[in-house]
C-alpha atoms as a PDB file:
ATOM      1  CA  SER A   1     -18.787 -18.990 -24.856  1.00  0.00           C
ATOM      2  CA  VAL A   2     -18.103 -20.397 -21.353  1.00  0.00           C
ATOM      3  CA  GLY A   3     -17.072 -23.780 -22.798  1.00  0.00           C
ATOM      4  CA  LEU A   4     -14.550 -22.118 -25.116  1.00  0.00           C
ATOM      5  CA  ILE A   5     -13.156 -19.953 -22.331  1.00  0.00           C
ATOM      6  CA  ILE A   6     -12.719 -22.990 -20.087  1.00  0.00           C
ATOM      7  CA  CYS A   7     -10.975 -24.975 -22.857  1.00  0.00           C
ATOM      8  CA  GLY A   8      -8.698 -22.035 -23.579  1.00  0.00           C
ATOM      9  CA  ILE A   9      -7.712 -21.705 -19.862  1.00  0.00           C
ATOM     10  CA  ILE A  10      -7.082 -25.486 -19.610  1.00  0.00           C
ATOM     11  CA  ILE A  11      -4.787 -25.387 -22.643  1.00  0.00           C
ATOM     12  CA  ASP A  12      -2.919 -22.362 -21.435  1.00  0.00           C
ATOM     13  CA  ARG A  13      -2.379 -23.973 -17.942  1.00  0.00           C
ATOM     14  CA  GLN A  14      -1.129 -27.187 -19.524  1.00  0.00           C
ATOM     15  CA  LEU A  15       1.390 -25.287 -21.722  1.00  0.00           C
ATOM     16  CA  TYR A  16       2.520 -23.386 -18.636  1.00  0.00           C
ATOM     17  CA  TYR A  17       2.966 -26.722 -16.843  1.00  0.00           C
ATOM     18  CA  PHE A  18       4.994 -28.162 -19.689  1.00  0.00           C
ATOM     19  CA  ARG A  19       7.470 -25.362 -19.590  1.00  0.00           C
ATOM     20  CA  HIS A  20       7.753 -24.805 -15.806  1.00  0.00           C
ATOM     21  CA  ALA A  21       7.399 -28.314 -14.330  1.00  0.00           C
ATOM     22  CA  ASP A  22      10.457 -29.844 -12.850  1.00  0.00           C
ATOM     23  CA  THR A  23      11.731 -32.320 -15.576  1.00  0.00           C
ATOM     24  CA  GLY A  24      14.785 -33.382 -13.473  1.00  0.00           C
ATOM     25  CA  VAL A  25      17.037 -31.612 -15.985  1.00  0.00           C
ATOM     26  CA  ASN A  26      18.712 -28.265 -15.631  1.00  0.00           C
ATOM     27  CA  LYS A  27      18.194 -27.043 -19.199  1.00  0.00           C
ATOM     28  CA  ASP A  28      18.950 -23.340 -18.782  1.00  0.00           C
ATOM     29  CA  ASN A  29      21.931 -21.681 -20.458  1.00  0.00           C
ATOM     30  CA  VAL A  30      23.067 -24.875 -22.279  1.00  0.00           C
ATOM     31  CA  VAL A  31      24.142 -24.795 -25.915  1.00  0.00           C
ATOM     32  CA  MET A  32      23.997 -28.008 -27.943  1.00  0.00           C
ATOM     33  CA  ILE A  33      26.359 -28.151 -30.962  1.00  0.00           C
ATOM     34  CA  PRO A  34      25.886 -31.124 -33.319  1.00  0.00           C
ATOM     35  CA  VAL A  35      29.241 -32.496 -34.463  1.00  0.00           C
ATOM     36  CA  GLY A  36      29.448 -34.726 -37.530  1.00  0.00           C
ATOM     37  CA  SER A  37      31.802 -37.590 -38.227  1.00  0.00           C
ATOM     38  CA  SER A  38      33.676 -35.197 -40.566  1.00  0.00           C
ATOM     39  CA  ILE A  39      35.432 -33.713 -37.551  1.00  0.00           C
ATOM     40  CA  GLY A  40      37.036 -37.148 -36.995  1.00  0.00           C
ATOM     41  CA  LYS A  41      39.941 -37.405 -34.632  1.00  0.00           C
ATOM     42  CA  ASN A  42      39.872 -33.681 -33.935  1.00  0.00           C
ATOM     43  CA  TYR A  43      36.906 -33.936 -31.625  1.00  0.00           C
ATOM     44  CA  PRO A  44      38.946 -34.155 -28.370  1.00  0.00           C
ATOM     45  CA  ALA A  45      40.811 -30.975 -29.394  1.00  0.00           C
ATOM     46  CA  PHE A  46      37.508 -29.220 -30.321  1.00  0.00           C
ATOM     47  CA  ASN A  47      35.990 -30.233 -26.957  1.00  0.00           C
ATOM     48  CA  HIS A  48      39.020 -28.853 -25.121  1.00  0.00           C
ATOM     49  CA  ASP A  49      38.944 -25.514 -26.961  1.00  0.00           C
ATOM     50  CA  ILE A  50      35.277 -24.969 -26.304  1.00  0.00           C
ATOM     51  CA  LYS A  51      35.767 -25.800 -22.623  1.00  0.00           C
ATOM     52  CA  ALA A  52      38.630 -23.203 -22.486  1.00  0.00           C
ATOM     53  CA  LEU A  53      36.446 -20.334 -23.549  1.00  0.00           C
ATOM     54  CA  ALA A  54      35.944 -17.729 -20.838  1.00  0.00           C
ATOM     55  CA  GLY A  55      32.089 -17.865 -21.031  1.00  0.00           C
ATOM     56  CA  VAL A  56      31.890 -21.667 -20.629  1.00  0.00           C
ATOM     57  CA  SER A  57      31.780 -23.302 -17.267  1.00  0.00           C
ATOM     58  CA  ASN A  58      31.504 -27.014 -18.347  1.00  0.00           C
ATOM     59  CA  VAL A  59      31.204 -29.187 -21.390  1.00  0.00           C
ATOM     60  CA  ALA A  60      29.852 -32.674 -21.952  1.00  0.00           C
ATOM     61  CA  THR A  61      29.230 -35.063 -24.831  1.00  0.00           C
ATOM     62  CA  SER A  62      26.196 -37.114 -25.901  1.00  0.00           C
ATOM     63  CA  ARG A  63      25.332 -39.267 -28.914  1.00  0.00           C
ATOM     64  CA  TYR A  64      22.227 -37.169 -29.489  1.00  0.00           C
ATOM     65  CA  GLY A  65      20.863 -33.876 -28.406  1.00  0.00           C
ATOM     66  CA  MET A  66      18.378 -33.773 -25.507  1.00  0.00           C
ATOM     67  CA  PHE A  67      14.731 -34.257 -26.293  1.00  0.00           C
ATOM     68  CA  SER A  68      15.360 -35.795 -29.709  1.00  0.00           C
ATOM     69  CA  TYR A  69      16.559 -39.380 -30.189  1.00  0.00           C
ATOM     70  CA  TYR A  70      17.943 -42.301 -28.202  1.00  0.00           C
ATOM     71  CA  ASP A  71      19.070 -45.867 -29.098  1.00  0.00           C
ATOM     72  CA  ASN A  72      17.800 -49.281 -28.003  1.00  0.00           C
ATOM     73  CA  TYR A  73      20.201 -51.739 -26.338  1.00  0.00           C
ATOM     74  CA  GLN A  74      19.487 -55.402 -26.016  1.00  0.00           C
ATOM     75  CA  ILE A  75      19.954 -56.903 -22.506  1.00  0.00           C
ATOM     76  CA  GLU A  76      19.839 -60.562 -21.588  1.00  0.00           C
ATOM     77  CA  GLY A  77      17.074 -61.372 -19.188  1.00  0.00           C
ATOM     78  CA  LYS A  78      16.777 -63.944 -16.366  1.00  0.00           C
ATOM     79  CA  THR A  79      16.128 -66.768 -18.774  1.00  0.00           C
ATOM     80  CA  LYS A  80      18.105 -67.736 -21.860  1.00  0.00           C
ATOM     81  CA  ASP A  81      15.384 -66.685 -24.218  1.00  0.00           C
ATOM     82  CA  GLU A  82      14.393 -63.376 -22.508  1.00  0.00           C
ATOM     83  CA  LYS A  83      15.623 -60.305 -24.324  1.00  0.00           C
ATOM     84  CA  ILE A  84      14.982 -56.862 -22.812  1.00  0.00           C
ATOM     85  CA  MET A  85      15.163 -53.700 -24.931  1.00  0.00           C
ATOM     86  CA  LEU A  86      16.485 -50.786 -22.940  1.00  0.00           C
ATOM     87  CA  ASN A  87      16.380 -47.163 -24.103  1.00  0.00           C
ATOM     88  CA  SER A  88      20.003 -46.144 -24.060  1.00  0.00           C
ATOM     89  CA  LEU A  89      22.155 -43.094 -24.616  1.00  0.00           C
ATOM     90  CA  ALA A  90      25.971 -43.022 -24.945  1.00  0.00           C
ATOM     91  CA  VAL A  91      27.213 -39.983 -23.033  1.00  0.00           C
ATOM     92  CA  GLY A  92      30.512 -38.437 -21.793  1.00  0.00           C
ATOM     93  CA  ASP A  93      31.654 -38.563 -18.167  1.00  0.00           C
ATOM     94  CA  ASN A  94      30.493 -34.927 -17.528  1.00  0.00           C
ATOM     95  CA  PHE A  95      26.945 -35.466 -18.850  1.00  0.00           C
ATOM     96  CA  ILE A  96      25.253 -36.243 -15.533  1.00  0.00           C
ATOM     97  CA  SER A  97      26.860 -33.286 -13.665  1.00  0.00           C
ATOM     98  CA  LEU A  98      26.257 -30.759 -16.514  1.00  0.00           C
ATOM     99  CA  LEU A  99      22.631 -31.547 -16.626  1.00  0.00           C
ATOM    100  CA  GLY A 100      22.246 -31.531 -12.915  1.00  0.00           C
ATOM    101  CA  LEU A 101      20.783 -35.069 -12.828  1.00  0.00           C
ATOM    102  CA  LYS A 102      20.054 -36.233  -9.237  1.00  0.00           C
ATOM    103  CA  TRP A 103      21.496 -39.481  -7.794  1.00  0.00           C
ATOM    104  CA  LYS A 104      19.240 -42.086  -6.365  1.00  0.00           C
ATOM    105  CA  TYR A 105      22.197 -44.441  -5.603  1.00  0.00           C
ATOM    106  CA  PRO A 106      25.469 -42.658  -6.379  1.00  0.00           C
ATOM    107  CA  PRO A 107      28.495 -44.601  -7.737  1.00  0.00           C
ATOM    108  CA  LEU A 108      31.193 -45.805  -5.398  1.00  0.00           C
ATOM    109  CA  SER A 109      33.780 -43.829  -7.369  1.00  0.00           C
ATOM    110  CA  HIS A 110      32.837 -40.892  -9.742  1.00  0.00           C
ATOM    111  CA  THR A 111      36.276 -40.930 -11.281  1.00  0.00           C
ATOM    112  CA  GLN A 112      35.949 -44.571 -12.580  1.00  0.00           C
ATOM    113  CA  LEU A 113      32.733 -44.142 -14.528  1.00  0.00           C
ATOM    114  CA  ALA A 114      34.024 -43.743 -18.036  1.00  0.00           C
ATOM    115  CA  THR A 115      35.831 -47.074 -18.447  1.00  0.00           C
ATOM    116  CA  GLY A 116      33.547 -48.241 -21.300  1.00  0.00           C
ATOM    117  CA  ASN A 117      31.938 -51.098 -19.478  1.00  0.00           C
ATOM    118  CA  LYS A 118      29.732 -49.272 -17.010  1.00  0.00           C
ATOM    119  CA  VAL A 119      26.138 -48.003 -17.236  1.00  0.00           C
ATOM    120  CA  VAL A 120      24.162 -45.560 -15.061  1.00  0.00           C
ATOM    121  CA  ILE A 121      20.417 -46.380 -15.130  1.00  0.00           C
ATOM    122  CA  ASN A 122      17.304 -44.540 -14.039  1.00  0.00           C
ATOM    123  CA  GLU A 123      14.937 -45.757 -11.266  1.00  0.00           C
ATOM    124  CA  LEU A 124      12.495 -47.350 -13.727  1.00  0.00           C
ATOM    125  CA  ALA A 125      15.242 -49.531 -15.211  1.00  0.00           C
ATOM    126  CA  ILE A 126      15.812 -51.356 -11.895  1.00  0.00           C
ATOM    127  CA  GLU A 127      12.532 -53.219 -12.125  1.00  0.00           C
ATOM    128  CA  LYS A 128      12.628 -53.772 -15.892  1.00  0.00           C
ATOM    129  CA  LEU A 129      16.132 -55.392 -15.732  1.00  0.00           C
ATOM    130  CA  HIS A 130      15.152 -57.483 -12.576  1.00  0.00           C
ATOM    131  CA  LEU A 131      17.860 -55.858 -10.466  1.00  0.00           C
ATOM    132  CA  PRO A 132      18.014 -55.550  -6.653  1.00  0.00           C
ATOM    133  CA  VAL A 133      16.679 -52.438  -4.894  1.00  0.00           C
ATOM    134  CA  ASN A 134      20.154 -50.928  -4.807  1.00  0.00           C
ATOM    135  CA  PRO A 135      21.783 -52.339  -7.937  1.00  0.00           C
ATOM    136  CA  VAL A 136      25.098 -50.539  -7.683  1.00  0.00           C
ATOM    137  CA  GLY A 137      27.811 -53.095  -8.406  1.00  0.00           C
ATOM    138  CA  SER A 138      25.442 -55.469 -10.152  1.00  0.00           C
ATOM    139  CA  PHE A 139      26.020 -56.676 -13.610  1.00  0.00           C
ATOM    140  CA  ILE A 140      23.887 -56.979 -16.696  1.00  0.00           C
ATOM    141  CA  LYS A 141      24.772 -58.892 -19.842  1.00  0.00           C
ATOM    142  CA  SER A 142      24.596 -57.890 -23.478  1.00  0.00           C
ATOM    143  CA  GLY A 143      26.141 -59.778 -26.359  1.00  0.00           C
ATOM    144  CA  GLY A 144      28.187 -61.899 -23.961  1.00  0.00           C
ATOM    145  CA  HIS A 145      29.669 -58.889 -22.189  1.00  0.00           C
ATOM    146  CA  ASN A 146      29.244 -58.035 -18.576  1.00  0.00           C
ATOM    147  CA  ILE A 147      28.338 -54.418 -17.947  1.00  0.00           C
ATOM    148  CA  GLU A 148      28.476 -53.049 -14.409  1.00  0.00           C
ATOM    149  CA  VAL A 149      25.644 -50.900 -13.044  1.00  0.00           C
ATOM    150  CA  ALA A 150      27.703 -48.030 -11.677  1.00  0.00           C
ATOM    151  CA  GLY A 151      24.872 -45.886 -10.318  1.00  0.00           C
ATOM    152  CA  VAL A 152      21.201 -44.919 -10.455  1.00  0.00           C
ATOM    153  CA  VAL A 153      19.867 -41.448 -11.216  1.00  0.00           C
ATOM    154  CA  LYS A 154      16.342 -40.299 -10.393  1.00  0.00           C
ATOM    155  CA  ASN A 155      13.854 -40.384 -13.203  1.00  0.00           C
ATOM    156  CA  PHE A 156      14.071 -37.430 -15.552  1.00  0.00           C
ATOM    157  CA  ASN A 157      12.286 -36.472 -18.782  1.00  0.00           C
ATOM    158  CA  PHE A 158      14.517 -37.180 -21.709  1.00  0.00           C
ATOM    159  CA  GLY A 159      11.636 -36.762 -24.136  1.00  0.00           C
ATOM    160  CA  SER A 160       8.331 -34.933 -24.297  1.00  0.00           C
ATOM    161  CA  MET A 161       6.229 -34.553 -21.172  1.00  0.00           C
ATOM    162  CA  GLU A 162       3.252 -35.829 -23.171  1.00  0.00           C
ATOM    163  CA  HIS A 163       4.755 -39.354 -22.743  1.00  0.00           C
ATOM    164  CA  VAL A 164       5.547 -41.335 -19.581  1.00  0.00           C
ATOM    165  CA  ILE A 165       9.196 -41.546 -18.522  1.00  0.00           C
ATOM    166  CA  GLU A 166      10.693 -44.819 -19.644  1.00  0.00           C
ATOM    167  CA  PRO A 167      13.571 -47.001 -18.339  1.00  0.00           C
ATOM    168  CA  LEU A 168      16.876 -45.611 -19.586  1.00  0.00           C
ATOM    169  CA  GLY A 169      20.575 -46.614 -19.480  1.00  0.00           C
ATOM    170  CA  LEU A 170      23.320 -44.012 -19.760  1.00  0.00           C
ATOM    171  CA  PHE A 171      26.473 -45.762 -21.110  1.00  0.00           C
ATOM    172  CA  ILE A 172      29.409 -43.717 -19.983  1.00  0.00           C
ATOM    173  CA  VAL A 173      32.419 -43.339 -22.237  1.00  0.00           C
ATOM    174  CA  PRO A 174      35.266 -40.715 -22.046  1.00  0.00           C
ATOM    175  CA  ASP A 175      34.891 -37.380 -23.829  1.00  0.00           C
ATOM    176  CA  THR A 176      38.303 -38.147 -25.431  1.00  0.00           C
ATOM    177  CA  THR A 177      37.286 -41.432 -27.102  1.00  0.00           C
ATOM    178  CA  LYS A 178      37.573 -41.773 -30.826  1.00  0.00           C
ATOM    179  CA  LEU A 179      33.917 -42.979 -30.890  1.00  0.00           C
ATOM    180  CA  TRP A 180      32.554 -39.419 -31.017  1.00  0.00           C
ATOM    181  CA  GLY A 181      34.610 -38.526 -34.083  1.00  0.00           C
ATOM    182  CA  ARG A 182      33.691 -41.690 -35.779  1.00  0.00           C
ATOM    183  CA  ILE A 183      29.860 -41.719 -35.303  1.00  0.00           C
ATOM    184  CA  GLY A 184      29.155 -38.024 -34.662  1.00  0.00           C
ATOM    185  CA  CYS A 185      27.786 -36.536 -31.438  1.00  0.00           C
ATOM    186  CA  ASN A 186      26.508 -33.428 -29.679  1.00  0.00           C
ATOM    187  CA  LEU A 187      28.668 -31.236 -27.598  1.00  0.00           C
ATOM    188  CA  PHE A 188      26.868 -29.557 -24.602  1.00  0.00           C
ATOM    189  CA  ALA A 189      28.364 -26.361 -23.292  1.00  0.00           C
ATOM    190  CA  ARG A 190      26.997 -24.639 -20.130  1.00  0.00           C
ATOM    191  CA  VAL A 191      27.164 -20.860 -20.399  1.00  0.00           C
ATOM    192  CA  LYS A 192      28.192 -18.823 -17.422  1.00  0.00           C
ATOM    193  CA  PRO A 193      25.716 -16.180 -16.245  1.00  0.00           C
ATOM    194  CA  HIS A 194      26.082 -12.539 -17.637  1.00  0.00           C
ATOM    195  CA  THR A 195      28.016 -13.809 -20.704  1.00  0.00           C
ATOM    196  CA  ASN A 196      27.767 -11.921 -23.979  1.00  0.00           C
ATOM    197  CA  LEU A 197      26.063 -14.646 -26.053  1.00  0.00           C
ATOM    198  CA  PRO A 198      26.713 -13.266 -29.581  1.00  0.00           C
ATOM    199  CA  THR A 199      30.426 -12.942 -28.823  1.00  0.00           C
ATOM    200  CA  LEU A 200      30.560 -16.393 -27.287  1.00  0.00           C
ATOM    201  CA  LEU A 201      28.660 -18.047 -30.130  1.00  0.00           C
ATOM    202  CA  ASN A 202      30.936 -16.341 -32.661  1.00  0.00           C
ATOM    203  CA  ALA A 203      33.956 -17.705 -30.804  1.00  0.00           C
ATOM    204  CA  MET A 204      32.453 -21.183 -30.832  1.00  0.00           C
ATOM    205  CA  GLN A 205      31.889 -20.871 -34.595  1.00  0.00           C
ATOM    206  CA  ASN A 206      35.437 -19.880 -35.235  1.00  0.00           C
ATOM    207  CA  ILE A 207      36.676 -22.930 -33.222  1.00  0.00           C
ATOM    208  CA  TYR A 208      34.261 -25.204 -35.141  1.00  0.00           C
ATOM    209  CA  LYS A 209      35.538 -23.867 -38.466  1.00  0.00           C
ATOM    210  CA  LYS A 210      39.026 -24.488 -37.374  1.00  0.00           C
ATOM    211  CA  TYR A 211      38.463 -28.210 -37.287  1.00  0.00           C
ATOM    212  CA  ASP A 212      35.624 -28.639 -39.873  1.00  0.00           C
ATOM    213  CA  LYS A 213      35.525 -26.131 -42.684  1.00  0.00           C
ATOM    214  CA  ASP A 214      32.931 -27.941 -44.767  1.00  0.00           C
ATOM    215  CA  THR A 215      30.010 -28.514 -42.416  1.00  0.00           C
ATOM    216  CA  PRO A 216      27.898 -25.417 -41.532  1.00  0.00           C
ATOM    217  CA  PHE A 217      28.060 -24.522 -37.783  1.00  0.00           C
ATOM    218  CA  ASN A 218      24.791 -25.023 -36.061  1.00  0.00           C
ATOM    219  CA  TYR A 219      23.671 -24.818 -32.423  1.00  0.00           C
ATOM    220  CA  THR A 220      20.486 -25.024 -30.334  1.00  0.00           C
ATOM    221  CA  PHE A 221      19.747 -23.932 -26.820  1.00  0.00           C
ATOM    222  CA  MET A 222      18.459 -26.844 -24.776  1.00  0.00           C
ATOM    223  CA  ASP A 223      15.386 -24.849 -23.415  1.00  0.00           C
ATOM    224  CA  ASP A 224      14.476 -24.006 -27.021  1.00  0.00           C
ATOM    225  CA  ALA A 225      14.678 -27.687 -27.974  1.00  0.00           C
ATOM    226  CA  PHE A 226      12.425 -28.561 -25.009  1.00  0.00           C
ATOM    227  CA  ASN A 227       9.888 -25.879 -26.081  1.00  0.00           C
ATOM    228  CA  GLN A 228      10.043 -26.985 -29.711  1.00  0.00           C
ATOM    229  CA  GLN A 229       8.232 -30.295 -28.782  1.00  0.00           C
ATOM    230  CA  TYR A 230       5.080 -28.342 -28.088  1.00  0.00           C
ATOM    231  CA  LYS A 231       4.599 -26.384 -31.363  1.00  0.00           C
ATOM    232  CA  ALA A 232       1.317 -28.238 -32.135  1.00  0.00           C
ATOM    233  CA  GLU A 233      -0.032 -27.267 -28.695  1.00  0.00           C
ATOM    234  CA  ASP A 234       1.104 -23.655 -29.294  1.00  0.00           C
ATOM    235  CA  ARG A 235      -0.837 -23.588 -32.535  1.00  0.00           C
ATOM    236  CA  LEU A 236      -3.845 -25.033 -30.861  1.00  0.00           C
ATOM    237  CA  ALA A 237      -3.693 -22.531 -28.059  1.00  0.00           C
ATOM    238  CA  SER A 238      -3.421 -19.682 -30.613  1.00  0.00           C
ATOM    239  CA  ILE A 239      -6.512 -20.954 -32.546  1.00  0.00           C
ATOM    240  CA  PHE A 240      -8.478 -21.306 -29.307  1.00  0.00           C
ATOM    241  CA  SER A 241      -7.498 -17.789 -28.232  1.00  0.00           C
ATOM    242  CA  ILE A 242      -8.807 -16.396 -31.573  1.00  0.00           C
ATOM    243  CA  PHE A 243     -12.068 -18.141 -31.501  1.00  0.00           C
ATOM    244  CA  THR A 244     -12.517 -17.467 -27.713  1.00  0.00           C
ATOM    245  CA  GLY A 245     -12.029 -13.722 -28.431  1.00  0.00           C
ATOM    246  CA  ILE A 246     -14.522 -13.836 -31.286  1.00  0.00           C
ATOM    247  CA  THR A 247     -16.977 -15.715 -29.116  1.00  0.00           C
ATOM    248  CA  ILE A 248     -16.698 -13.329 -26.244  1.00  0.00           C
ATOM    249  CA  LEU A 249     -17.207 -10.440 -28.658  1.00  0.00           C
ATOM    250  CA  LEU A 250     -20.343 -12.019 -30.091  1.00  0.00           C
ATOM    251  CA  ALA A 251     -21.669 -12.944 -26.612  1.00  0.00           C
ATOM    252  CA  GLY A 252     -21.021  -9.393 -25.419  1.00  0.00           C
ATOM    253  CA  MET A 253     -22.952  -7.987 -28.456  1.00  0.00           C
ATOM    254  CA  GLY A 254     -25.787 -10.397 -27.721  1.00  0.00           C
ATOM    255  CA  LEU A 255     -26.026  -9.356 -24.124  1.00  0.00           C
ATOM    256  CA  PHE A 256     -25.983  -5.664 -25.134  1.00  0.00           C
ATOM    257  CA  GLY A 257     -28.753  -6.374 -27.700  1.00  0.00           C
ATOM    258  CA  LEU A 258     -30.911  -8.204 -25.165  1.00  0.00           C
ATOM    259  CA  ALA A 259     -30.482  -5.384 -22.575  1.00  0.00           C
ATOM    260  CA  ALA A 260     -31.303  -2.725 -25.196  1.00  0.00           C
ATOM    261  CA  PHE A 261     -34.327  -4.664 -26.392  1.00  0.00           C
ATOM    262  CA  THR A 262     -35.581  -5.127 -22.724  1.00  0.00           C
ATOM    263  CA  ILE A 263     -35.179  -1.353 -22.120  1.00  0.00           C
ATOM    264  CA  GLU A 264     -37.054  -0.560 -25.298  1.00  0.00           C
ATOM    265  CA  GLN A 265     -39.918  -2.842 -24.252  1.00  0.00           C
ATOM    266  CA  ARG A 266     -40.130  -1.234 -20.766  1.00  0.00           C
ATOM    267  CA  THR A 267     -39.823   2.465 -21.771  1.00  0.00           C
ATOM    268  CA  LYS A 268     -43.412   3.375 -20.828  1.00  0.00           C
ATOM    269  CA  GLU A 269     -43.102   1.430 -17.506  1.00  0.00           C
ATOM    270  CA  ILE A 270     -39.887   3.324 -16.708  1.00  0.00           C
ATOM    271  CA  GLY A 271     -41.559   6.631 -17.516  1.00  0.00           C
ATOM    272  CA  VAL A 272     -44.523   5.860 -15.136  1.00  0.00           C
ATOM    273  CA  ARG A 273     -42.148   4.877 -12.367  1.00  0.00           C
ATOM    274  CA  LYS A 274     -40.117   8.112 -12.758  1.00  0.00           C
ATOM    275  CA  ILE A 275     -43.395  10.172 -12.590  1.00  0.00           C
ATOM    276  CA  LEU A 276     -44.195   8.387  -9.287  1.00  0.00           C
ATOM    277  CA  GLY A 277     -40.800   9.400  -7.887  1.00  0.00           C
ATOM    278  CA  ALA A 278     -38.516   6.512  -8.755  1.00  0.00           C
ATOM    279  CA  SER A 279     -34.834   7.447  -9.274  1.00  0.00           C
END
């Protein structure tokens, strides 16, 4: 019984930690809307219309939704034969500010990030790419192209907290680029506080249907996507809770039975003690 209770408490505290630890990402009140390639060249207009909604404070674009997928980018190493695979994510120029990512080494100019040949890396990528301590202004090579390291953000969880944070490169491209309409993307919209969510989501759906009538409108809140990673742990916690409850019930019945049996065995002794004046 004690073992099961301890295991149940540990699992409960771990799940609490998963959901309340600082991941380096402000995931509250952010709606992620997957956009397919069928929206095509209309994506910039769709992005603009969503941003213009009264309940939306900011929008950003990413190749994938948070806590789902990312790409791998091949970087040339120090030697001719060394190839370094870097986790990568193509994002729009508002992505970093919308998610509240913290700068370790900020860029020299925030307005010049989305030129198509710049990357923002996390702290772990500095060592992996053999870059100087402050790599802002340095260059990495890929496919014969020079890519400038525009800034460094502090490490943040872009996957499950069950896994260690890995080196990451955020390749910044404009929200208005044709790339998003060609390969598909996710639009992130930060919702203002005290906004009527059903009304806002209905307005988003109407805008989506304006540009893409064939694909069903879908959305996910970022905090829900984060919690979705721990469904297996939730099931395990539920199972442990059920068995712990049953065990406590059985243990309680056993203790009651032992106490009743002991009293039954000592009935005469208790009677003699009472005759002699015991309470």
